């Protein structure tokens, strides 16, 4: 736990650097770079989606060629370079959007172009590459510090994943309060400067634990093994089918007196398996023929390799079921921030920056994570008489259900917001509406709770269930799910605008004025899709059998 504590401290600094920009980026794009609200939302979701998808690359490299230790250091340097570029751009006016013709309305401003665009996206995607590498290497590096051969070690590892999410929340709390306030009141160059310094400080903090870390030695490319098993299974199944057809045709000949059918072929397969001293499981039987004599020596597979590929294929439906939840979470960084920016953000005499809204789920996570670890789990262990108490899949399912509730609340709140705008004749005005932004905070609380249950559950599930040689790659699936959710959000916005615009109506999510959007309909659609996804998840979760 002492070695893992360095990882937790680093995660606070790393998430501070990343989320300080991601949470406020949609307003930076719309108000400073002068993109439209929907374009700004898509830029943010594409950036965040790319960052989390690149976690797959980080996990793959950590498993195959480098170590989680090395990948973190390389990725931290890359993220630092990206943040440095963004800080320089924010500091030099000529590299940003040209000045508005008059006033501050986006309709009269020209969006950033030329070298400014190149610098903006070069900085953003260097940050995305660095974030991806860190997310793909840091959680498995921390989890590798525990002895999983003992119940106590497994319990401590489970606690680590809970406190990893707690550390994420700690970094997020500083990001969405202190750093966002700096960005809104002192300038983006100062906020980006804080992020740049934060990721730079994380490197020596990580290095302090070097003498205590236990680092897994890379075991070669897991992707190569998966491809080899799948190709061998396909080829051998085709070969077996052709052999069976030939045998059946020979059986009609008088000279062929002994009938040889599928039974002998399967016996041969069993003999080959027994020679390897291991046995194959009955699930995904179509892969079992991969252990037969291959058509080419490069396709020779062991039973161990086949079983490892089966494990990965069995967890993929669970991974696919979590994408919709993360599509809902994407709204916290886009439309929800824009909603709150049109509302009254005063708390007494203090004006709350709209991008600080995530402080509500962050605080809730910081309270709930220790309570879950020290109260709920021990109580569940006494009730269920099991080591886990609450299973990984039960945690994930709880998060998926909460996302449905969150989207329902979001739709109702947006309906109330627009009714208020219509009541006071402010649909075409840029003035803040006489309705508190705390209404939007309700959906943040539900989605924050969903994130705690699902993210910690996913990371532990993928790490513990995956083969030893693929653990970093499998853990990265948790972040890849976030990536796919952000990309799905972008796709949904584009499809909805095309479909609704094709029928002669104004597209639901198009224009510069959020009050003219049909955002409540979009949220209701998300609610329905989340409900269907939850049913899909229950099917796979109920049929899943744990390895341990």
Protein backbone atom coordinates (compact mmCIF):
# COMPACT_ATOMS: atom_id res chain seq x y z
CA UNK A 1 0.00 0.00 0.00
CA UNK A 2 2.94 2.34 0.62
CA UNK A 3 4.18 1.84 -2.94
CA UNK A 4 0.65 2.30 -4.29
CA UNK A 5 0.26 5.53 -2.30
CA UNK A 6 2.77 7.23 -4.63
CA UNK A 7 0.50 6.24 -7.53
CA UNK A 8 -2.52 7.75 -5.75
CA UNK A 9 -0.66 11.03 -5.11
CA UNK A 10 0.42 11.20 -8.76
CA UNK A 11 -3.17 10.60 -9.91
CA UNK A 12 -4.35 13.63 -7.93
CA UNK A 13 -1.81 15.83 -9.77
CA UNK A 14 -2.40 14.22 -13.17
CA UNK A 15 -6.19 14.49 -13.04
CA UNK A 16 -5.90 18.09 -11.82
CA UNK A 17 -3.84 18.92 -14.92
CA UNK A 18 -6.22 17.13 -17.30
CA UNK A 19 -9.63 17.99 -15.87
CA UNK A 20 -8.91 21.67 -15.21
CA UNK A 21 -8.92 22.13 -18.97
CA UNK A 22 -11.41 19.45 -20.02
CA UNK A 23 -14.17 20.71 -17.68
CA UNK A 24 -13.91 24.29 -18.95
CA UNK A 25 -12.77 23.60 -22.50
CA UNK A 26 -16.23 23.92 -24.04
CA UNK A 27 -16.44 27.56 -22.86
CA UNK A 28 -12.87 28.27 -24.00
CA UNK A 29 -13.80 27.01 -27.47
CA UNK A 30 -17.04 29.00 -27.65
CA UNK A 31 -16.08 32.26 -25.91
CA UNK A 32 -12.36 32.59 -26.66
CA UNK A 33 -11.97 30.64 -29.91
CA UNK A 34 -15.56 31.46 -31.05
CA UNK A 35 -16.78 28.07 -32.25
CA UNK A 36 -20.56 27.48 -32.13
CA UNK A 37 -21.98 25.66 -29.07
CA UNK A 38 -22.51 22.38 -30.95
CA UNK A 39 -19.07 22.60 -32.62
CA UNK A 40 -17.48 23.35 -29.24
CA UNK A 41 -19.26 20.36 -27.70
CA UNK A 42 -18.03 18.09 -30.51
CA UNK A 43 -14.44 19.37 -30.23
CA UNK A 44 -14.47 18.62 -26.49
CA UNK A 45 -15.99 15.16 -26.86
CA UNK A 46 -13.56 14.29 -29.68
CA UNK A 47 -10.59 15.48 -27.60
CA UNK A 48 -11.67 13.61 -24.46
CA UNK A 49 -12.64 10.56 -26.48
CA UNK A 50 -9.24 10.44 -28.18
CA UNK A 51 -7.44 10.84 -24.84
CA UNK A 52 -9.26 7.91 -23.26
CA UNK A 53 -9.08 5.74 -26.39
CA UNK A 54 -5.30 6.16 -26.45
CA UNK A 55 -5.28 4.44 -23.05
CA UNK A 56 -5.53 1.23 -25.10
CA UNK A 57 -2.23 2.13 -26.75
CA UNK A 58 -0.66 2.89 -23.36
CA UNK A 59 -1.86 -0.41 -21.90
CA UNK A 60 -0.73 -2.36 -24.95
CA UNK A 61 2.79 -0.88 -24.91
CA UNK A 62 3.06 -1.48 -21.14
CA UNK A 63 2.14 -5.17 -21.55
CA UNK A 64 4.09 -5.87 -24.70
CA UNK A 65 7.30 -3.85 -24.90
CA UNK A 66 7.78 -1.43 -22.02
CA UNK A 67 6.60 -1.46 -18.42
CA UNK A 68 3.85 0.55 -16.72
CA UNK A 69 6.66 2.47 -14.98
CA UNK A 70 8.28 3.57 -18.26
CA UNK A 71 5.01 4.35 -20.05
CA UNK A 72 3.92 6.69 -17.27
CA UNK A 73 7.15 8.72 -17.43
CA UNK A 74 7.08 8.99 -21.24
CA UNK A 75 3.40 9.96 -21.25
CA UNK A 76 3.82 12.58 -18.52
CA UNK A 77 6.54 14.31 -20.58
CA UNK A 78 4.27 14.28 -23.68
CA UNK A 79 1.33 15.76 -21.74
CA UNK A 80 3.64 18.44 -20.32
CA UNK A 81 4.69 19.43 -23.86
CA UNK A 82 1.06 19.69 -25.00
CA UNK A 83 0.05 21.84 -22.02
CA UNK A 84 3.08 24.06 -22.58
CA UNK A 85 1.96 24.72 -26.18
CA UNK A 86 -1.59 25.58 -25.05
CA UNK A 87 -0.23 27.88 -22.32
CA UNK A 88 1.92 29.78 -24.83
CA UNK A 89 -1.05 30.17 -27.20
CA UNK A 90 -3.32 31.45 -24.43
CA UNK A 91 -0.63 33.99 -23.44
CA UNK A 92 -0.12 35.46 -26.96
CA UNK A 93 -3.23 37.29 -28.36
CA UNK A 94 -2.17 36.93 -32.00
CA UNK A 95 -2.38 33.12 -31.72
CA UNK A 96 -6.01 33.21 -30.58
CA UNK A 97 -9.25 34.24 -32.30
CA UNK A 98 -9.30 37.66 -34.02
CA UNK A 99 -11.03 40.41 -32.07
CA UNK A 100 -14.81 40.65 -32.42
CA UNK A 101 -16.22 43.24 -34.82
CA UNK A 102 -18.37 44.58 -32.01
CA UNK A 103 -19.55 43.30 -28.66
CA UNK A 104 -18.94 39.76 -27.43
CA UNK A 105 -21.60 37.73 -29.20
CA UNK A 106 -20.33 34.73 -31.08
CA UNK A 107 -22.37 35.60 -34.18
CA UNK A 108 -20.18 38.69 -34.75
CA UNK A 109 -16.86 37.02 -33.94
CA UNK A 110 -14.57 35.11 -36.26
CA UNK A 111 -13.40 31.73 -35.02
CA UNK A 112 -9.69 31.01 -34.70
CA UNK A 113 -7.98 30.11 -37.98
CA UNK A 114 -4.62 29.55 -39.66
CA UNK A 115 -1.63 28.96 -37.40
CA UNK A 116 -3.81 29.43 -34.34
CA UNK A 117 -5.89 26.37 -35.25
CA UNK A 118 -2.77 24.28 -35.88
CA UNK A 119 -1.28 25.27 -32.53
CA UNK A 120 -4.57 24.69 -30.70
CA UNK A 121 -5.12 21.18 -31.99
CA UNK A 122 -1.43 20.22 -31.82
CA UNK A 123 -1.44 21.13 -28.12
CA UNK A 124 -4.78 19.43 -27.46
CA UNK A 125 -3.82 16.14 -29.06
CA UNK A 126 -0.36 16.01 -27.49
CA UNK A 127 -2.22 16.32 -24.18
CA UNK A 128 -4.59 13.58 -25.35
CA UNK A 129 -1.66 11.28 -26.19
CA UNK A 130 -0.06 11.90 -22.79
CA UNK A 131 -3.32 11.42 -20.89
CA UNK A 132 -3.99 8.18 -22.77
CA UNK A 133 -0.60 6.74 -21.85
CA UNK A 134 -1.01 7.71 -18.20
CA UNK A 135 -4.54 6.31 -17.90
CA UNK A 136 -3.41 3.06 -19.53
CA UNK A 137 -0.39 2.56 -17.27
CA UNK A 138 -0.99 4.18 -13.87
CA UNK A 139 -3.96 2.10 -12.52
CA UNK A 140 -2.41 -1.29 -13.37
CA UNK A 141 0.96 -0.10 -12.01
CA UNK A 142 -0.70 0.61 -8.66
CA UNK A 143 -2.67 -2.64 -8.67
CA UNK A 144 0.48 -4.67 -9.39
CA UNK A 145 1.90 -3.69 -5.98
CA UNK A 146 -0.42 -6.11 -4.09
CA UNK A 147 -0.08 -9.82 -3.41
CA UNK A 148 -3.11 -11.36 -5.07
CA UNK A 149 -2.36 -14.85 -3.75
CA UNK A 150 -3.81 -13.97 -0.34
CA UNK A 151 -7.33 -12.76 0.60
CA UNK A 152 -5.82 -9.81 2.46
CA UNK A 153 -3.84 -8.77 -0.61
CA UNK A 154 -6.93 -8.97 -2.82
CA UNK A 155 -8.93 -6.88 -0.34
CA UNK A 156 -6.22 -4.21 -0.29
CA UNK A 157 -6.13 -4.21 -4.08
CA UNK A 158 -9.90 -3.69 -4.13
CA UNK A 159 -9.43 -0.77 -1.70
CA UNK A 160 -6.77 0.63 -4.03
CA UNK A 161 -9.25 0.88 -6.91
CA UNK A 162 -11.75 2.65 -4.65
CA UNK A 163 -9.11 5.13 -3.52
CA UNK A 164 -7.88 5.55 -7.08
CA UNK A 165 -11.33 6.95 -7.93
CA UNK A 166 -11.10 9.01 -4.70
CA UNK A 167 -7.77 10.44 -5.95
CA UNK A 168 -9.39 11.23 -9.30
CA UNK A 169 -12.02 13.16 -7.35
CA UNK A 170 -9.41 15.03 -5.29
CA UNK A 171 -7.66 16.23 -8.43
CA UNK A 172 -11.00 17.10 -9.99
CA UNK A 173 -12.06 19.11 -6.92
CA UNK A 174 -8.99 21.37 -7.17
CA UNK A 175 -9.42 21.58 -10.95
CA UNK A 176 -13.09 22.61 -11.08
CA UNK A 177 -12.83 25.10 -8.21
CA UNK A 178 -9.42 26.73 -7.88
CA UNK A 179 -8.09 26.33 -11.45
CA UNK A 180 -11.41 27.05 -13.20
CA UNK A 181 -11.80 30.20 -11.07
CA UNK A 182 -8.32 31.29 -12.19
CA UNK A 183 -9.22 30.64 -15.85
CA UNK A 184 -12.45 32.65 -15.62
CA UNK A 185 -11.10 35.54 -13.53
CA UNK A 186 -7.36 35.81 -14.19
CA UNK A 187 -7.09 34.39 -17.68
CA UNK A 188 -6.65 31.04 -19.38
CA UNK A 189 -2.88 31.45 -19.58
CA UNK A 190 -2.74 31.25 -15.77
CA UNK A 191 -5.07 28.26 -15.52
CA UNK A 192 -3.11 26.38 -18.17
CA UNK A 193 0.09 27.36 -16.37
CA UNK A 194 -1.18 25.69 -13.18
CA UNK A 195 -1.99 22.52 -15.16
CA UNK A 196 1.46 22.54 -16.77
CA UNK A 197 3.16 22.90 -13.39
CA UNK A 198 0.97 20.15 -11.91
CA UNK A 199 1.93 17.50 -14.47
CA UNK A 200 5.59 18.54 -14.16
CA UNK A 201 5.51 18.08 -10.35
CA UNK A 202 3.89 14.64 -10.73
CA UNK A 203 7.05 13.25 -12.38
CA UNK A 204 9.43 13.60 -9.37
CA UNK A 205 6.60 12.48 -7.04
CA UNK A 206 6.27 9.29 -9.08
CA UNK A 207 10.05 8.78 -9.11
CA UNK A 208 10.16 8.97 -5.29
CA UNK A 209 8.53 5.55 -5.10
CA UNK A 210 10.94 3.90 -7.56
CA UNK A 211 12.76 1.89 -4.89
CA UNK A 212 9.52 0.38 -3.61
CA UNK A 213 7.70 -0.41 -6.85
CA UNK A 214 7.16 -3.94 -8.08
CA UNK A 215 7.07 -3.73 -11.88
CA UNK A 216 5.76 -6.44 -14.19
CA UNK A 217 8.16 -7.52 -16.94
CA UNK A 218 6.64 -7.12 -20.46
CA UNK A 219 5.50 -10.50 -21.82
CA UNK A 220 5.21 -9.76 -25.55
CA UNK A 221 2.31 -8.54 -27.62
CA UNK A 222 -1.07 -9.84 -26.37
CA UNK A 223 -2.66 -8.62 -29.61
CA UNK A 224 -0.42 -11.00 -31.60
CA UNK A 225 -1.55 -13.91 -29.44
CA UNK A 226 -5.22 -13.04 -29.92
CA UNK A 227 -4.88 -12.74 -33.69
CA UNK A 228 -2.94 -16.02 -33.88
CA UNK A 229 -5.59 -17.94 -31.91
CA UNK A 230 -8.48 -16.50 -33.93
CA UNK A 231 -6.79 -17.21 -37.29
CA UNK A 232 -5.78 -20.73 -36.19
CA UNK A 233 -9.33 -21.47 -35.01
CA UNK A 234 -10.82 -20.30 -38.31
CA UNK A 235 -8.32 -22.25 -40.43
CA UNK A 236 -8.63 -25.44 -38.36
CA UNK A 237 -12.42 -25.29 -38.34
CA UNK A 238 -12.39 -24.98 -42.12
CA UNK A 239 -9.87 -27.84 -42.36
CA UNK A 240 -11.97 -30.03 -40.04
CA UNK A 241 -15.12 -29.29 -42.04
CA UNK A 242 -13.41 -30.20 -45.31
CA UNK A 243 -11.97 -33.38 -43.76
CA UNK A 244 -15.40 -34.40 -42.49
CA UNK A 245 -16.95 -33.88 -45.94
CA UNK A 246 -14.19 -35.95 -47.55
CA UNK A 247 -14.63 -38.73 -44.99
CA UNK A 248 -18.38 -38.79 -45.56
CA UNK A 249 -17.91 -39.06 -49.33
CA UNK A 250 -15.40 -41.92 -48.85
CA UNK A 251 -17.89 -43.73 -46.65
CA UNK A 252 -20.12 -44.31 -49.70
CA UNK A 253 -17.33 -46.25 -51.44
CA UNK A 254 -17.40 -50.10 -51.07
CA UNK A 255 -13.66 -50.13 -50.41
CA UNK A 256 -14.11 -47.89 -47.38
CA UNK A 257 -15.40 -50.36 -44.81
CA UNK A 258 -14.92 -48.45 -41.55
CA UNK A 259 -17.00 -45.31 -40.97
CA UNK A 260 -14.95 -42.49 -39.53
CA UNK A 261 -16.87 -39.41 -38.53
CA UNK A 262 -16.70 -36.37 -36.30
CA UNK A 263 -16.02 -38.57 -33.31
CA UNK A 264 -12.52 -39.51 -34.45
CA UNK A 265 -11.68 -35.91 -35.31
CA UNK A 266 -12.73 -34.78 -31.85
CA UNK A 267 -10.77 -37.65 -30.29
CA UNK A 268 -7.66 -36.48 -32.14
CA UNK A 269 -8.24 -33.00 -30.80
CA UNK A 270 -8.59 -34.32 -27.26
CA UNK A 271 -5.37 -36.30 -27.63
CA UNK A 272 -3.52 -33.17 -28.71
CA UNK A 273 -4.95 -31.31 -25.72
CA UNK A 274 -3.93 -34.08 -23.32
CA UNK A 275 -0.42 -33.98 -24.74
CA UNK A 276 -0.23 -30.37 -23.63
CA UNK A 277 -1.18 -31.43 -20.12
CA UNK A 278 -4.11 -29.05 -19.89
CA UNK A 279 -7.83 -29.05 -20.63
CA UNK A 280 -10.06 -26.71 -22.59
CA UNK A 281 -13.29 -25.27 -21.24
CA UNK A 282 -16.63 -25.77 -22.93
CA UNK A 283 -17.34 -22.07 -23.48
CA UNK A 284 -16.64 -20.64 -26.95
CA UNK A 285 -15.98 -24.14 -28.25
CA UNK A 286 -15.36 -22.79 -31.75
CA UNK A 287 -11.90 -21.67 -30.55
CA UNK A 288 -10.92 -25.10 -29.22
CA UNK A 289 -9.73 -26.33 -32.62
CA UNK A 290 -6.99 -23.71 -32.55
CA UNK A 291 -4.85 -26.25 -30.62
CA UNK A 292 -4.95 -28.79 -33.45
CA UNK A 293 -1.96 -29.31 -35.75
CA UNK A 294 -1.77 -25.96 -37.55
CA UNK A 295 -1.54 -25.33 -41.28
CA UNK A 296 1.58 -23.26 -40.60
CA UNK A 297 4.03 -23.48 -37.65
CA UNK A 298 3.44 -19.79 -36.85
CA UNK A 299 -0.20 -20.63 -36.03
CA UNK A 300 0.63 -23.24 -33.38
CA UNK A 301 -1.36 -22.41 -30.22
CA UNK A 302 -1.26 -23.72 -26.68
CA UNK A 303 -4.32 -24.41 -24.53
CA UNK A 304 -3.24 -21.56 -22.26
CA UNK A 305 -3.29 -19.09 -25.17
CA UNK A 306 -6.72 -20.27 -26.30
CA UNK A 307 -8.16 -19.95 -22.81
CA UNK A 308 -6.70 -16.45 -22.42
CA UNK A 309 -8.36 -15.31 -25.64
CA UNK A 310 -11.65 -16.79 -24.41
CA UNK A 311 -11.38 -14.71 -21.24
CA UNK A 312 -10.91 -11.51 -23.25
CA UNK A 313 -13.85 -12.32 -25.54
CA UNK A 314 -16.10 -13.02 -22.54
CA UNK A 315 -15.43 -9.61 -20.97
CA UNK A 316 -16.00 -7.66 -24.21
CA UNK A 317 -19.85 -7.65 -23.93
CA UNK A 318 -19.51 -6.12 -20.45
CA UNK A 319 -17.21 -3.49 -21.91
CA UNK A 320 -19.69 -2.72 -24.70
CA UNK A 321 -22.52 -2.33 -22.17
CA UNK A 322 -20.73 0.49 -20.34
CA UNK A 323 -20.30 2.75 -23.38
CA UNK A 324 -23.80 4.24 -23.12
CA UNK A 325 -23.19 5.32 -19.52
CA UNK A 326 -20.10 7.21 -20.61
CA UNK A 327 -22.06 8.83 -23.41
CA UNK A 328 -24.29 10.24 -20.65
CA UNK A 329 -21.21 11.35 -18.69
CA UNK A 330 -20.00 13.26 -21.76
CA UNK A 331 -22.88 15.68 -21.31
CA UNK A 332 -21.35 16.89 -18.02
CA UNK A 333 -18.49 18.46 -19.97
CA UNK A 334 -20.58 19.90 -22.79
CA UNK A 335 -24.28 20.75 -22.78
CA UNK A 336 -24.64 20.73 -18.99
CA UNK A 337 -21.91 23.38 -18.67
CA UNK A 338 -23.57 25.46 -21.40
CA UNK A 339 -26.96 25.09 -19.67
CA UNK A 340 -25.61 26.40 -16.39
CA UNK A 341 -23.88 29.33 -18.17
CA UNK A 342 -27.36 30.63 -19.17
CA UNK A 343 -28.66 30.43 -15.56
CA UNK A 344 -28.14 32.36 -12.35
CA UNK A 345 -24.80 31.12 -10.99
CA UNK A 346 -24.74 33.29 -7.86
CA UNK A 347 -24.40 31.65 -4.45
CA UNK A 348 -25.00 34.56 -2.11
CA UNK A 349 -22.50 37.19 -3.20
CA UNK A 350 -20.18 34.68 -4.92
CA UNK A 351 -20.44 34.02 -8.65
CA UNK A 352 -19.78 30.35 -9.39
CA UNK A 353 -18.05 29.60 -12.73
CA UNK A 354 -20.31 27.25 -14.79
CA UNK A 355 -17.40 24.83 -15.29
CA UNK A 356 -17.24 24.40 -11.49
CA UNK A 357 -20.53 22.49 -11.48
CA UNK A 358 -18.71 19.12 -11.34
CA UNK A 359 -17.76 20.04 -7.77
CA UNK A 360 -21.06 18.50 -6.67
CA UNK A 361 -20.44 14.94 -7.94
CA UNK A 362 -16.76 15.26 -6.99
CA UNK A 363 -17.59 16.06 -3.36
CA UNK A 364 -20.15 13.25 -3.34
CA UNK A 365 -17.56 10.78 -4.68
CA UNK A 366 -15.03 11.91 -2.06
CA UNK A 367 -17.58 11.19 0.66
CA UNK A 368 -19.04 8.02 -0.85
CA UNK A 369 -15.72 6.30 -1.76
CA UNK A 370 -14.45 5.93 1.85
CA UNK A 371 -17.97 5.11 3.08
CA UNK A 372 -18.29 2.44 0.40
CA UNK A 373 -14.88 0.96 1.26
CA UNK A 374 -15.12 1.04 5.06
CA UNK A 375 -18.88 0.65 5.71
CA UNK A 376 -20.83 -0.71 2.75
CA UNK A 377 -18.35 -3.41 1.62
CA UNK A 378 -17.66 -4.85 5.14
CA UNK A 379 -21.41 -4.95 5.79
CA UNK A 380 -22.03 -6.66 2.43
CA UNK A 381 -19.31 -9.23 3.21
CA UNK A 382 -21.08 -10.16 6.44
CA UNK A 383 -24.40 -10.52 4.65
CA UNK A 384 -23.20 -12.43 1.58
CA UNK A 385 -20.36 -14.36 3.31
CA UNK A 386 -18.16 -13.70 0.25
CA UNK A 387 -14.75 -12.08 -0.14
CA UNK A 388 -15.99 -9.30 -2.44
CA UNK A 389 -19.28 -8.56 -0.68
CA UNK A 390 -20.60 -6.70 -3.69
CA UNK A 391 -19.44 -8.17 -6.99
CA UNK A 392 -17.82 -6.12 -9.71
CA UNK A 393 -20.75 -6.66 -12.05
CA UNK A 394 -23.24 -5.56 -9.38
CA UNK A 395 -21.29 -2.31 -8.97
CA UNK A 396 -21.28 -1.69 -12.71
CA UNK A 397 -25.00 -2.45 -12.95
CA UNK A 398 -25.77 0.03 -10.17
CA UNK A 399 -23.94 2.73 -12.10
CA UNK A 400 -25.83 1.94 -15.30
CA UNK A 401 -29.17 2.21 -13.51
CA UNK A 402 -28.21 5.56 -11.95
CA UNK A 403 -27.38 6.91 -15.42
CA UNK A 404 -30.99 6.30 -16.47
CA UNK A 405 -32.21 8.31 -13.47
CA UNK A 406 -29.71 11.08 -14.28
CA UNK A 407 -30.93 11.48 -17.87
CA UNK A 408 -34.54 11.60 -16.68
CA UNK A 409 -33.64 14.39 -14.25
CA UNK A 410 -31.65 16.20 -16.97
CA UNK A 411 -34.64 16.20 -19.33
CA UNK A 412 -37.00 17.53 -16.63
CA UNK A 413 -34.55 20.27 -15.58
CA UNK A 414 -34.01 21.43 -19.18
CA UNK A 415 -37.78 21.60 -19.67
CA UNK A 416 -38.03 23.79 -16.56
CA UNK A 417 -35.15 26.00 -17.74
CA UNK A 418 -36.76 26.67 -21.13
CA UNK A 419 -40.16 27.33 -19.58
CA UNK A 420 -38.51 29.94 -17.36
CA UNK A 421 -36.86 31.55 -20.39
CA UNK A 422 -40.21 31.68 -22.22
CA UNK A 423 -42.06 33.00 -19.17
CA UNK A 424 -39.72 35.98 -18.79
CA UNK A 425 -39.30 36.58 -22.54
CA UNK A 426 -35.60 35.71 -22.52
CA UNK A 427 -35.50 33.05 -25.26
CA UNK A 428 -33.60 35.40 -27.58
CA UNK A 429 -31.63 37.18 -24.88
CA UNK A 430 -28.11 36.56 -23.62
CA UNK A 431 -29.09 37.65 -20.09
CA UNK A 432 -28.89 35.03 -17.30
CA UNK A 433 -32.22 33.37 -16.59
CA UNK A 434 -33.85 33.92 -13.18
CA UNK A 435 -33.38 30.28 -12.22
CA UNK A 436 -30.53 28.91 -10.14
CA UNK A 437 -27.93 26.65 -11.72
CA UNK A 438 -28.33 24.29 -8.75
CA UNK A 439 -31.13 22.59 -10.69
CA UNK A 440 -28.49 21.30 -13.13
CA UNK A 441 -26.43 20.08 -10.16
CA UNK A 442 -29.02 17.34 -9.51
CA UNK A 443 -28.09 15.46 -12.70
CA UNK A 444 -24.42 15.91 -11.79
CA UNK A 445 -24.99 14.13 -8.49
CA UNK A 446 -26.63 11.12 -10.11
CA UNK A 447 -24.02 10.85 -12.86
CA UNK A 448 -21.19 11.33 -10.36
CA UNK A 449 -22.55 8.43 -8.29
CA UNK A 450 -22.88 6.33 -11.44
CA UNK A 451 -19.27 7.11 -12.33
CA UNK A 452 -18.00 6.01 -8.91
CA UNK A 453 -19.78 2.68 -9.01
CA UNK A 454 -19.03 1.89 -12.64
CA UNK A 455 -15.46 3.17 -13.09
CA UNK A 456 -14.04 1.51 -9.96
CA UNK A 457 -16.02 -1.65 -10.72
CA UNK A 458 -14.79 -1.75 -14.33
CA UNK A 459 -11.13 -1.23 -13.47
CA UNK A 460 -11.12 -3.97 -10.83
CA UNK A 461 -13.21 -6.31 -12.99
CA UNK A 462 -11.00 -5.98 -16.06
CA UNK A 463 -7.76 -6.20 -14.04
CA UNK A 464 -8.75 -9.29 -12.03
CA UNK A 465 -10.48 -11.17 -14.83
CA UNK A 466 -7.92 -10.54 -17.58
CA UNK A 467 -4.97 -12.90 -18.19
CA UNK A 468 -1.75 -11.85 -16.45
CA UNK A 469 -0.07 -10.92 -19.75
CA UNK A 470 -2.93 -8.60 -20.76
CA UNK A 471 -3.77 -6.80 -17.53
CA UNK A 472 -2.66 -3.30 -18.51
CA UNK A 473 -4.45 -3.59 -21.84
CA UNK A 474 -7.61 -4.93 -20.18
CA UNK A 475 -7.62 -2.21 -17.51
CA UNK A 476 -7.35 0.35 -20.31
CA UNK A 477 -10.76 -0.88 -21.51
CA UNK A 478 -12.25 1.17 -18.65
CA UNK A 479 -10.91 4.33 -20.27
CA UNK A 480 -11.66 3.09 -23.79
CA UNK A 481 -15.29 2.80 -22.70
CA UNK A 482 -15.17 6.49 -21.75
CA UNK A 483 -13.66 7.26 -25.17
CA UNK A 484 -16.34 5.37 -27.04
CA UNK A 485 -18.97 7.16 -24.95
CA UNK A 486 -17.60 10.57 -25.93
CA UNK A 487 -17.40 9.60 -29.60
CA UNK A 488 -20.93 8.19 -29.44
CA UNK A 489 -22.10 11.53 -28.06
CA UNK A 490 -20.55 13.32 -31.05
CA UNK A 491 -22.15 10.85 -33.48
CA UNK A 492 -25.56 11.14 -31.80
CA UNK A 493 -25.49 14.95 -32.01
CA UNK A 494 -24.61 14.79 -35.72
CA UNK A 495 -27.22 12.12 -36.53
CA UNK A 496 -29.96 13.89 -34.56
CA UNK A 497 -29.29 17.17 -36.37
CA UNK A 498 -29.34 15.47 -39.79
CA UNK A 499 -32.49 13.44 -39.09
CA UNK A 500 -34.48 16.28 -37.50
CA UNK A 501 -33.31 18.75 -40.17
CA UNK A 502 -34.28 16.36 -42.98
CA UNK A 503 -37.97 16.60 -42.08
CA UNK A 504 -38.17 20.34 -42.62
CA UNK A 505 -37.74 21.24 -38.96
CA UNK A 506 -34.99 23.18 -37.25
CA UNK A 507 -32.34 20.66 -36.11
CA UNK A 508 -32.60 19.96 -32.39
CA UNK A 509 -29.01 20.85 -31.54
CA UNK A 510 -27.92 23.53 -34.02
CA UNK A 511 -27.28 27.27 -33.75
CA UNK A 512 -25.61 29.74 -31.41
CA UNK A 513 -28.47 30.15 -28.91
CA UNK A 514 -28.95 27.24 -26.51
CA UNK A 515 -32.51 28.41 -25.76
CA UNK A 516 -33.49 27.46 -29.31
CA UNK A 517 -32.17 23.92 -28.90
CA UNK A 518 -34.47 20.96 -28.14
CA UNK A 519 -32.02 19.67 -25.57
CA UNK A 520 -34.77 18.13 -23.44
CA UNK A 521 -35.71 15.81 -26.34
CA UNK A 522 -32.07 14.79 -26.68
CA UNK A 523 -31.96 13.92 -22.97
CA UNK A 524 -35.17 11.87 -23.22
CA UNK A 525 -33.62 9.95 -26.14
CA UNK A 526 -30.53 9.31 -23.99
CA UNK A 527 -32.79 8.04 -21.22
CA UNK A 528 -34.48 5.53 -23.56
CA UNK A 529 -31.17 4.36 -25.00
CA UNK A 530 -29.73 3.96 -21.48
CA UNK A 531 -32.73 1.84 -20.49
CA UNK A 532 -32.29 -0.47 -23.48
CA UNK A 533 -28.58 -0.70 -22.73
CA UNK A 534 -29.30 -1.69 -19.11
CA UNK A 535 -31.45 -4.61 -20.30
CA UNK A 536 -28.63 -5.64 -22.65
CA UNK A 537 -26.15 -5.49 -19.76
CA UNK A 538 -28.34 -7.64 -17.47
CA UNK A 539 -28.37 -10.40 -20.09
CA UNK A 540 -24.56 -10.62 -20.24
CA UNK A 541 -23.94 -10.02 -16.53
CA UNK A 542 -26.32 -12.79 -15.45
CA UNK A 543 -24.59 -15.33 -17.71
CA UNK A 544 -21.02 -14.33 -16.81
CA UNK A 545 -18.93 -16.72 -14.68
CA UNK A 546 -16.00 -15.27 -12.72
CA UNK A 547 -12.56 -16.82 -13.09
CA UNK A 548 -11.91 -16.78 -9.32
